[in-house]
Amino acid sequence: MENKPFYASKTIWGLAVMIAALVLPKMFAGEDKTALASQLADWALVIGEIIGGILVVVGRLKANTKLTPK
């Protein structure tokens, strides 16, 4: 089995997208937002989690190399 750097992994990128989707809205939670901005932030969270989850599953299913810490 071949090795590849961790940053070339779809699974790692999917996890990073999911974490960003969870953390970024909380960073701006204290700011005054309109109702539309609040709804857009909620949708961005949902979409980020879905895309990240899909990347994690696809990356794991297609994985055929080991990750190396580079």
PDB file of N, CA and C in Angstrom:
ATOM      1  N   MET A   1       0.833  -1.173   0.000  1.00  0.00           N
ATOM      2  CA  MET A   1       0.000   0.000   0.000  1.00  0.00           C
ATOM      3  C   MET A   1       0.886   1.247   0.000  1.00  0.00           C
ATOM      4  N   GLU A   2       0.541   2.204  -0.840  1.00  0.00           N
ATOM      5  CA  GLU A   2       1.313   3.439  -0.953  1.00  0.00           C
ATOM      6  C   GLU A   2       1.019   4.381   0.203  1.00  0.00           C
ATOM      7  N   ASN A   3       1.911   5.337   0.407  1.00  0.00           N
ATOM      8  CA  ASN A   3       1.714   6.388   1.401  1.00  0.00           C
ATOM      9  C   ASN A   3       1.417   7.700   0.701  1.00  0.00           C
ATOM     10  N   LYS A   4       0.644   8.569   1.356  1.00  0.00           N
ATOM     11  CA  LYS A   4       0.407   9.907   0.833  1.00  0.00           C
ATOM     12  C   LYS A   4       0.334  10.861   2.010  1.00  0.00           C
ATOM     13  N   PRO A   5       0.621  12.145   1.781  1.00  0.00           N
ATOM     14  CA  PRO A   5       0.548  13.102   2.884  1.00  0.00           C
ATOM     15  C   PRO A   5      -0.892  13.285   3.353  1.00  0.00           C
ATOM     16  N   PHE A   6      -1.065  13.599   4.626  1.00  0.00           N
ATOM     17  CA  PHE A   6      -2.409  13.699   5.203  1.00  0.00           C
ATOM     18  C   PHE A   6      -3.272  14.736   4.503  1.00  0.00           C
ATOM     19  N   TYR A   7      -2.667  15.823   4.002  1.00  0.00           N
ATOM     20  CA  TYR A   7      -3.439  16.900   3.374  1.00  0.00           C
ATOM     21  C   TYR A   7      -3.964  16.516   1.986  1.00  0.00           C
ATOM     22  N   ALA A   8      -3.609  15.372   1.485  1.00  0.00           N
ATOM     23  CA  ALA A   8      -4.117  14.898   0.197  1.00  0.00           C
ATOM     24  C   ALA A   8      -5.313  13.966   0.379  1.00  0.00           C
ATOM     25  N   SER A   9      -5.789  13.833   1.610  1.00  0.00           N
ATOM     26  CA  SER A   9      -6.878  12.904   1.920  1.00  0.00           C
ATOM     27  C   SER A   9      -8.240  13.599   1.849  1.00  0.00           C
ATOM     28  N   LYS A  10      -9.161  13.023   1.078  1.00  0.00           N
ATOM     29  CA  LYS A  10     -10.529  13.546   1.018  1.00  0.00           C
ATOM     30  C   LYS A  10     -11.203  13.430   2.382  1.00  0.00           C
ATOM     31  N   THR A  11     -10.879  12.397   3.117  1.00  0.00           N
ATOM     32  CA  THR A  11     -11.462  12.207   4.440  1.00  0.00           C
ATOM     33  C   THR A  11     -11.058  13.350   5.369  1.00  0.00           C
ATOM     34  N   ILE A  12      -9.794  13.719   5.369  1.00  0.00           N
ATOM     35  CA  ILE A  12      -9.314  14.817   6.213  1.00  0.00           C
ATOM     36  C   ILE A  12      -9.956  16.131   5.794  1.00  0.00           C
ATOM     37  N   TRP A  13     -10.052  16.396   4.485  1.00  0.00           N
ATOM     38  CA  TRP A  13     -10.681  17.632   4.005  1.00  0.00           C
ATOM     39  C   TRP A  13     -12.165  17.668   4.346  1.00  0.00           C
ATOM     40  N   GLY A  14     -12.838  16.540   4.241  1.00  0.00           N
ATOM     41  CA  GLY A  14     -14.245  16.484   4.616  1.00  0.00           C
ATOM     42  C   GLY A  14     -14.448  16.797   6.087  1.00  0.00           C
ATOM     43  N   LEU A  15     -13.587  16.246   6.919  1.00  0.00           N
ATOM     44  CA  LEU A  15     -13.653  16.526   8.345  1.00  0.00           C
ATOM     45  C   LEU A  15     -13.380  18.003   8.621  1.00  0.00           C
ATOM     46  N   ALA A  16     -12.424  18.588   7.913  1.00  0.00           N
ATOM     47  CA  ALA A  16     -12.111  20.012   8.087  1.00  0.00           C
ATOM     48  C   ALA A  16     -13.302  20.890   7.696  1.00  0.00           C
ATOM     49  N   VAL A  17     -13.994  20.535   6.620  1.00  0.00           N
ATOM     50  CA  VAL A  17     -15.182  21.289   6.193  1.00  0.00           C
ATOM     51  C   VAL A  17     -16.278  21.184   7.249  1.00  0.00           C
ATOM     52  N   MET A  18     -16.478  19.999   7.786  1.00  0.00           N
ATOM     53  CA  MET A  18     -17.505  19.820   8.817  1.00  0.00           C
ATOM     54  C   MET A  18     -17.184  20.638  10.070  1.00  0.00           C
ATOM     55  N   ILE A  19     -15.940  20.623  10.493  1.00  0.00           N
ATOM     56  CA  ILE A  19     -15.540  21.389  11.677  1.00  0.00           C
ATOM     57  C   ILE A  19     -15.702  22.885  11.416  1.00  0.00           C
ATOM     58  N   ALA A  20     -15.284  23.343  10.238  1.00  0.00           N
ATOM     59  CA  ALA A  20     -15.432  24.763   9.897  1.00  0.00           C
ATOM     60  C   ALA A  20     -16.905  25.174   9.885  1.00  0.00           C
ATOM     61  N   ALA A  21     -17.762  24.316   9.356  1.00  0.00           N
ATOM     62  CA  ALA A  21     -19.193  24.625   9.309  1.00  0.00           C
ATOM     63  C   ALA A  21     -19.780  24.723  10.714  1.00  0.00           C
ATOM     64  N   LEU A  22     -19.226  24.000  11.649  1.00  0.00           N
ATOM     65  CA  LEU A  22     -19.708  24.059  13.024  1.00  0.00           C
ATOM     66  C   LEU A  22     -19.135  25.247  13.797  1.00  0.00           C
ATOM     67  N   VAL A  23     -17.881  25.586  13.548  1.00  0.00           N
ATOM     68  CA  VAL A  23     -17.191  26.603  14.333  1.00  0.00           C
ATOM     69  C   VAL A  23     -17.437  28.024  13.821  1.00  0.00           C
ATOM     70  N   LEU A  24     -17.397  28.238  12.523  1.00  0.00           N
ATOM     71  CA  LEU A  24     -17.482  29.599  11.980  1.00  0.00           C
ATOM     72  C   LEU A  24     -18.757  30.342  12.365  1.00  0.00           C
ATOM     73  N   PRO A  25     -19.937  29.737  12.295  1.00  0.00           N
ATOM     74  CA  PRO A  25     -21.125  30.490  12.713  1.00  0.00           C
ATOM     75  C   PRO A  25     -21.084  30.917  14.182  1.00  0.00           C
ATOM     76  N   LYS A  26     -20.463  30.126  15.036  1.00  0.00           N
ATOM     77  CA  LYS A  26     -20.366  30.463  16.448  1.00  0.00           C
ATOM     78  C   LYS A  26     -19.416  31.643  16.668  1.00  0.00           C
ATOM     79  N   MET A  27     -18.448  31.827  15.779  1.00  0.00           N
ATOM     80  CA  MET A  27     -17.518  32.942  15.895  1.00  0.00           C
ATOM     81  C   MET A  27     -18.228  34.278  15.682  1.00  0.00           C
ATOM     82  N   PHE A  28     -19.284  34.275  14.887  1.00  0.00           N
ATOM     83  CA  PHE A  28     -19.986  35.505  14.571  1.00  0.00           C
ATOM     84  C   PHE A  28     -21.342  35.589  15.273  1.00  0.00           C
ATOM     85  N   ALA A  29     -21.573  34.756  16.258  1.00  0.00           N
ATOM     86  CA  ALA A  29     -22.876  34.687  16.920  1.00  0.00           C
ATOM     87  C   ALA A  29     -23.217  35.965  17.686  1.00  0.00           C
ATOM     88  N   GLY A  30     -22.233  36.684  18.178  1.00  0.00           N
ATOM     89  CA  GLY A  30     -22.503  37.866  18.968  1.00  0.00           C
ATOM     90  C   GLY A  30     -22.868  39.091  18.158  1.00  0.00           C
ATOM     91  N   GLU A  31     -22.645  39.070  16.873  1.00  0.00           N
ATOM     92  CA  GLU A  31     -22.914  40.225  16.026  1.00  0.00           C
ATOM     93  C   GLU A  31     -24.406  40.343  15.748  1.00  0.00           C
ATOM     94  N   ASP A  32     -24.861  41.581  15.585  1.00  0.00           N
ATOM     95  CA  ASP A  32     -26.252  41.812  15.206  1.00  0.00           C
ATOM     96  C   ASP A  32     -26.444  41.385  13.767  1.00  0.00           C
ATOM     97  N   LYS A  33     -27.426  40.510  13.539  1.00  0.00           N
ATOM     98  CA  LYS A  33     -27.698  40.020  12.194  1.00  0.00           C
ATOM     99  C   LYS A  33     -29.167  40.236  11.878  1.00  0.00           C
ATOM    100  N   THR A  34     -29.434  40.436  10.607  1.00  0.00           N
ATOM    101  CA  THR A  34     -30.819  40.487  10.175  1.00  0.00           C
ATOM    102  C   THR A  34     -31.357  39.060  10.118  1.00  0.00           C
ATOM    103  N   ALA A  35     -32.644  38.943   9.956  1.00  0.00           N
ATOM    104  CA  ALA A  35     -33.255  37.612   9.865  1.00  0.00           C
ATOM    105  C   ALA A  35     -32.715  36.853   8.664  1.00  0.00           C
ATOM    106  N   LEU A  36     -32.528  37.557   7.542  1.00  0.00           N
ATOM    107  CA  LEU A  36     -32.000  36.905   6.342  1.00  0.00           C
ATOM    108  C   LEU A  36     -30.580  36.412   6.569  1.00  0.00           C
ATOM    109  N   ALA A  37     -29.746  37.230   7.198  1.00  0.00           N
ATOM    110  CA  ALA A  37     -28.363  36.817   7.463  1.00  0.00           C
ATOM    111  C   ALA A  37     -28.330  35.618   8.398  1.00  0.00           C
ATOM    112  N   SER A  38     -29.224  35.593   9.354  1.00  0.00           N
ATOM    113  CA  SER A  38     -29.292  34.461  10.274  1.00  0.00           C
ATOM    114  C   SER A  38     -29.708  33.185   9.544  1.00  0.00           C
ATOM    115  N   GLN A  39     -30.686  33.294   8.649  1.00  0.00           N
ATOM    116  CA  GLN A  39     -31.112  32.129   7.875  1.00  0.00           C
ATOM    117  C   GLN A  39     -30.005  31.652   6.944  1.00  0.00           C
ATOM    118  N   LEU A  40     -29.287  32.583   6.325  1.00  0.00           N
ATOM    119  CA  LEU A  40     -28.182  32.203   5.437  1.00  0.00           C
ATOM    120  C   LEU A  40     -27.081  31.490   6.220  1.00  0.00           C
ATOM    121  N   ALA A  41     -26.805  31.966   7.421  1.00  0.00           N
ATOM    122  CA  ALA A  41     -25.798  31.314   8.259  1.00  0.00           C
ATOM    123  C   ALA A  41     -26.242  29.902   8.625  1.00  0.00           C
ATOM    124  N   ASP A  42     -27.519  29.748   8.939  1.00  0.00           N
ATOM    125  CA  ASP A  42     -28.041  28.411   9.255  1.00  0.00           C
ATOM    126  C   ASP A  42     -27.922  27.474   8.063  1.00  0.00           C
ATOM    127  N   TRP A  43     -28.266  27.960   6.887  1.00  0.00           N
ATOM    128  CA  TRP A  43     -28.165  27.134   5.674  1.00  0.00           C
ATOM    129  C   TRP A  43     -26.712  26.814   5.350  1.00  0.00           C
ATOM    130  N   ALA A  44     -25.806  27.768   5.552  1.00  0.00           N
ATOM    131  CA  ALA A  44     -24.381  27.514   5.305  1.00  0.00           C
ATOM    132  C   ALA A  44     -23.883  26.407   6.220  1.00  0.00           C
ATOM    133  N   LEU A  45     -24.356  26.408   7.461  1.00  0.00           N
ATOM    134  CA  LEU A  45     -23.987  25.360   8.404  1.00  0.00           C
ATOM    135  C   LEU A  45     -24.455  24.000   7.919  1.00  0.00           C
ATOM    136  N   VAL A  46     -25.702  23.910   7.516  1.00  0.00           N
ATOM    137  CA  VAL A  46     -26.267  22.644   7.044  1.00  0.00           C
ATOM    138  C   VAL A  46     -25.548  22.155   5.787  1.00  0.00           C
ATOM    139  N   ILE A  47     -25.354  23.054   4.837  1.00  0.00           N
ATOM    140  CA  ILE A  47     -24.692  22.681   3.583  1.00  0.00           C
ATOM    141  C   ILE A  47     -23.250  22.251   3.836  1.00  0.00           C
ATOM    142  N   GLY A  48     -22.547  22.980   4.706  1.00  0.00           N
ATOM    143  CA  GLY A  48     -21.171  22.608   5.039  1.00  0.00           C
ATOM    144  C   GLY A  48     -21.088  21.241   5.680  1.00  0.00           C
ATOM    145  N   GLU A  49     -22.018  20.945   6.573  1.00  0.00           N
ATOM    146  CA  GLU A  49     -22.016  19.629   7.208  1.00  0.00           C
ATOM    147  C   GLU A  49     -22.318  18.518   6.197  1.00  0.00           C
ATOM    148  N   ILE A  50     -23.247  18.766   5.300  1.00  0.00           N
ATOM    149  CA  ILE A  50     -23.588  17.756   4.289  1.00  0.00           C
ATOM    150  C   ILE A  50     -22.405  17.504   3.358  1.00  0.00           C
ATOM    151  N   ILE A  51     -21.819  18.576   2.843  1.00  0.00           N
ATOM    152  CA  ILE A  51     -20.672  18.423   1.927  1.00  0.00           C
ATOM    153  C   ILE A  51     -19.511  17.746   2.644  1.00  0.00           C
ATOM    154  N   GLY A  52     -19.227  18.176   3.864  1.00  0.00           N
ATOM    155  CA  GLY A  52     -18.149  17.555   4.637  1.00  0.00           C
ATOM    156  C   GLY A  52     -18.409  16.087   4.891  1.00  0.00           C
ATOM    157  N   GLY A  53     -19.644  15.753   5.253  1.00  0.00           N
ATOM    158  CA  GLY A  53     -19.993  14.352   5.497  1.00  0.00           C
ATOM    159  C   GLY A  53     -19.835  13.499   4.256  1.00  0.00           C
ATOM    160  N   ILE A  54     -20.262  14.029   3.131  1.00  0.00           N
ATOM    161  CA  ILE A  54     -20.119  13.297   1.866  1.00  0.00           C
ATOM    162  C   ILE A  54     -18.643  13.076   1.552  1.00  0.00           C
ATOM    163  N   LEU A  55     -17.821  14.113   1.738  1.00  0.00           N
ATOM    164  CA  LEU A  55     -16.382  13.965   1.483  1.00  0.00           C
ATOM    165  C   LEU A  55     -15.756  12.916   2.398  1.00  0.00           C
ATOM    166  N   VAL A  56     -16.163  12.890   3.650  1.00  0.00           N
ATOM    167  CA  VAL A  56     -15.618  11.901   4.587  1.00  0.00           C
ATOM    168  C   VAL A  56     -15.956  10.487   4.119  1.00  0.00           C
ATOM    169  N   VAL A  57     -17.208  10.254   3.770  1.00  0.00           N
ATOM    170  CA  VAL A  57     -17.626   8.912   3.350  1.00  0.00           C
ATOM    171  C   VAL A  57     -16.950   8.516   2.041  1.00  0.00           C
ATOM    172  N   VAL A  58     -16.975   9.396   1.052  1.00  0.00           N
ATOM    173  CA  VAL A  58     -16.356   9.095  -0.247  1.00  0.00           C
ATOM    174  C   VAL A  58     -14.857   8.876  -0.078  1.00  0.00           C
ATOM    175  N   GLY A  59     -14.228   9.748   0.694  1.00  0.00           N
ATOM    176  CA  GLY A  59     -12.790   9.606   0.907  1.00  0.00           C
ATOM    177  C   GLY A  59     -12.429   8.298   1.561  1.00  0.00           C
ATOM    178  N   ARG A  60     -13.222   7.906   2.532  1.00  0.00           N
ATOM    179  CA  ARG A  60     -12.929   6.648   3.227  1.00  0.00           C
ATOM    180  C   ARG A  60     -13.165   5.442   2.323  1.00  0.00           C
ATOM    181  N   LEU A  61     -14.220   5.485   1.512  1.00  0.00           N
ATOM    182  CA  LEU A  61     -14.516   4.364   0.628  1.00  0.00           C
ATOM    183  C   LEU A  61     -13.493   4.231  -0.499  1.00  0.00           C
ATOM    184  N   LYS A  62     -12.963   5.353  -0.972  1.00  0.00           N
ATOM    185  CA  LYS A  62     -12.008   5.310  -2.081  1.00  0.00           C
ATOM    186  C   LYS A  62     -10.562   5.178  -1.621  1.00  0.00           C
ATOM    187  N   ALA A  63     -10.332   5.236  -0.328  1.00  0.00           N
ATOM    188  CA  ALA A  63      -8.954   5.207   0.183  1.00  0.00           C
ATOM    189  C   ALA A  63      -8.261   3.894  -0.154  1.00  0.00           C
ATOM    190  N   ASN A  64      -7.076   4.029  -0.699  1.00  0.00           N
ATOM    191  CA  ASN A  64      -6.271   2.841  -0.960  1.00  0.00           C
ATOM    192  C   ASN A  64      -4.797   3.097  -0.631  1.00  0.00           C
ATOM    193  N   THR A  65      -4.553   4.204   0.059  1.00  0.00           N
ATOM    194  CA  THR A  65      -3.186   4.526   0.492  1.00  0.00           C
ATOM    195  C   THR A  65      -3.200   4.882   1.970  1.00  0.00           C
ATOM    196  N   LYS A  66      -2.060   4.715   2.613  1.00  0.00           N
ATOM    197  CA  LYS A  66      -1.911   5.099   4.012  1.00  0.00           C
ATOM    198  C   LYS A  66      -1.512   6.560   4.087  1.00  0.00           C
ATOM    199  N   LEU A  67      -1.951   7.231   5.131  1.00  0.00           N
ATOM    200  CA  LEU A  67      -1.562   8.617   5.346  1.00  0.00           C
ATOM    201  C   LEU A  67      -0.259   8.678   6.110  1.00  0.00           C
ATOM    202  N   THR A  68       0.576   9.645   5.760  1.00  0.00           N
ATOM    203  CA  THR A  68       1.819   9.852   6.475  1.00  0.00           C
ATOM    204  C   THR A  68       1.830  11.290   7.006  1.00  0.00           C
ATOM    205  N   PRO A  69       2.333  11.494   8.199  1.00  0.00           N
ATOM    206  CA  PRO A  69       2.357  12.853   8.768  1.00  0.00           C
ATOM    207  C   PRO A  69       3.505  13.675   8.171  1.00  0.00           C
ATOM    208  N   LYS A  70       3.184  14.472   7.153  1.00  0.00           N
ATOM    209  CA  LYS A  70       4.227  15.311   6.519  1.00  0.00           C
ATOM    210  C   LYS A  70       3.945  16.747   6.745  1.00  0.00           C
TER     211      LYS A  70
END
